[in-house]
Protein backbone atom coordinates (compact mmCIF):
# COMPACT_ATOMS: atom_id res chain seq x y z
CA MET A 1 18.34 -23.64 28.38
CA LYS A 2 17.41 -26.44 25.95
CA THR A 3 14.33 -24.51 24.87
CA ARG A 4 16.41 -21.43 24.08
CA LEU A 5 18.90 -23.46 22.05
CA LEU A 6 16.09 -25.14 20.14
CA LEU A 7 14.46 -21.78 19.43
CA LEU A 8 17.80 -20.33 18.28
CA PHE A 9 18.37 -23.32 16.01
CA LEU A 10 14.91 -22.93 14.45
CA VAL A 11 15.42 -19.20 13.85
CA VAL A 12 18.85 -19.71 12.24
CA SER A 13 17.52 -22.60 10.14
CA GLY A 14 14.57 -20.55 8.94
CA LEU A 15 16.77 -17.61 7.96
CA SER A 16 19.24 -19.76 6.06
CA CYS A 17 16.66 -21.57 3.93
CA GLN A 18 16.51 -20.38 0.34
CA ASN A 19 14.76 -21.69 -2.73
CA ARG A 20 17.58 -22.75 -5.04
CA ASP A 21 15.53 -24.58 -7.64
CA LYS A 22 17.16 -23.68 -10.96
CA THR A 23 15.83 -26.67 -12.89
CA ASN A 24 13.14 -24.81 -14.85
CA THR A 25 15.10 -22.21 -16.81
CA ASP A 26 12.67 -22.22 -19.76
CA LYS A 27 10.29 -19.87 -17.95
CA GLU A 28 10.14 -16.24 -18.90
CA PRO A 29 11.63 -14.05 -16.15
CA GLU A 30 9.10 -12.42 -13.86
CA LYS A 31 8.39 -8.80 -14.71
CA THR A 32 10.13 -6.71 -12.07
CA GLU A 33 8.64 -3.31 -12.88
CA MET A 34 5.16 -2.11 -13.69
CA THR A 35 3.45 1.17 -14.45
CA PHE A 36 1.92 2.87 -11.42
CA ASP A 37 -1.74 1.98 -10.91
CA LYS A 38 -3.70 3.66 -8.10
CA GLU A 39 -5.89 0.62 -7.43
CA ARG A 40 -3.07 -1.93 -7.44
CA TRP A 41 -0.97 0.33 -5.17
CA ARG A 42 -3.49 -0.33 -2.38
CA VAL A 43 -3.85 -4.13 -2.89
CA THR A 44 -2.65 -6.21 0.04
CA ASN A 45 -2.21 -9.93 0.56
CA ASP A 46 -1.19 -11.45 3.89
CA GLU A 47 -0.58 -7.98 5.36
CA ALA A 48 1.88 -7.11 2.55
CA TYR A 49 1.46 -4.86 -0.46
CA ALA A 50 1.32 -7.06 -3.53
CA TYR A 51 2.46 -4.61 -6.22
CA ARG A 52 4.18 -1.63 -4.61
CA ASP A 53 7.74 -2.89 -5.04
CA LYS A 54 7.16 -3.28 -8.79
CA MET A 55 5.52 0.16 -9.18
CA VAL A 56 7.61 2.41 -6.95
CA ASP A 57 10.30 3.18 -9.56
CA ASP A 58 7.70 4.28 -12.10
CA LEU A 59 5.98 6.39 -9.45
CA ILE A 60 9.18 8.19 -8.43
CA ASN A 61 10.68 8.54 -11.93
CA ASN A 62 7.43 9.91 -13.35
CA LYS A 63 8.09 13.22 -11.51
CA LYS A 64 4.33 13.82 -11.28
CA LEU A 65 4.41 12.94 -7.59
CA LYS A 66 6.99 15.66 -6.89
CA LYS A 67 4.59 18.32 -8.21
CA LEU A 68 1.67 17.35 -5.95
CA LYS A 69 0.54 18.84 -2.66
CA LYS A 70 -0.19 16.69 0.40
CA LYS A 71 -3.94 16.45 -0.28
CA ALA A 72 -3.37 15.21 -3.84
CA ILE A 73 -0.73 12.72 -2.65
CA LEU A 74 -3.19 11.27 -0.13
CA GLU A 75 -5.85 10.99 -2.85
CA LEU A 76 -3.41 9.23 -5.19
CA LEU A 77 -1.61 6.92 -2.74
CA GLY A 78 -4.06 6.66 0.15
CA ALA A 79 -3.19 7.13 3.79
CA PRO A 80 0.49 6.60 4.62
CA ASP A 81 1.47 3.65 6.78
CA ARG A 82 3.15 6.09 9.15
CA THR A 83 3.60 9.84 9.53
CA ASP A 84 6.08 11.91 11.49
CA SER A 85 5.52 15.68 11.37
CA ASP A 86 6.22 16.57 7.69
CA TYR A 87 7.19 13.05 6.61
CA LEU A 88 4.90 10.48 4.96
CA PHE A 89 6.03 6.83 5.07
CA TYR A 90 4.64 4.29 2.60
CA THR A 91 5.68 0.68 3.15
CA ILE A 92 6.86 -0.85 -0.11
CA ARG A 93 8.04 -4.27 1.05
CA GLN A 94 8.54 -5.95 4.38
CA LYS A 95 10.21 -9.25 5.14
CA ARG A 96 8.91 -10.87 8.30
CA MET A 97 9.60 -13.81 10.50
CA PHE A 98 6.30 -14.70 12.06
CA ILE A 99 5.10 -11.32 13.41
CA LEU A 100 8.55 -9.71 13.64
CA PRO A 101 9.64 -7.40 10.81
CA LEU A 102 13.17 -8.26 9.66
CA GLN A 103 13.59 -5.75 6.84
CA THR A 104 11.38 -2.92 5.64
CA LYS A 105 11.64 -0.90 2.45
CA SER A 106 9.73 2.39 2.59
CA MET A 107 9.15 5.37 0.37
CA VAL A 108 9.54 8.55 2.42
CA ILE A 109 8.04 11.83 1.24
CA LYS A 110 9.28 15.01 2.95
CA LEU A 111 6.83 17.90 2.75
CA LYS A 112 7.60 21.62 2.91
CA GLU A 113 5.63 24.02 5.10
CA ASN A 114 3.23 24.73 2.21
CA ASP A 115 2.48 20.96 1.87
CA SER A 116 4.39 20.63 -1.40
CA VAL A 117 7.00 17.90 -1.86
CA GLU A 118 10.54 18.75 -0.80
CA TRP A 119 12.01 15.32 -1.64
CA ILE A 120 11.20 11.64 -2.06
CA LYS A 121 13.61 8.94 -0.93
CA MET A 122 13.70 5.19 -0.53
CA HIS A 123 14.64 3.86 2.89
CA GLU A 124 15.70 0.28 3.67
C-alpha cells in the first residue's frame, strides 16, 4: 500500500512540474515553424522526431503532398510509423513518461483505392 502511494505521488509530482523560468526575456523567441526538409523529417533524438512538429504545417499547407500517390509519399516521408489498411500514420510529437506514451500527435493520410490521397488530418 505504501509503495503504491509513493508511486502515485511521484507520478503526480512529475506531471505537475513545469519550467516557469521567465527571467531571461531578452532571448529571441524560438522559431516554431520551418520549411519541410526531407532529411530533417527523418531525424530522431531520444526516440522522438526532432523537427516534424515544426515542419508539418508547411508540409500540409504546401498542397504538394495531396497530389502524390502512395509510392511518392513513401519516398518523400519514409515509412510510416503505423499503417491500417488505407491509412498512413506519421508520428509528429509524443510526450512520454518513462516508456509510457501520454500524448501523441500524428499526421494521418487516408488513401483512395488508386493510392492517391483522399485527405490528410492531424490527430491528437
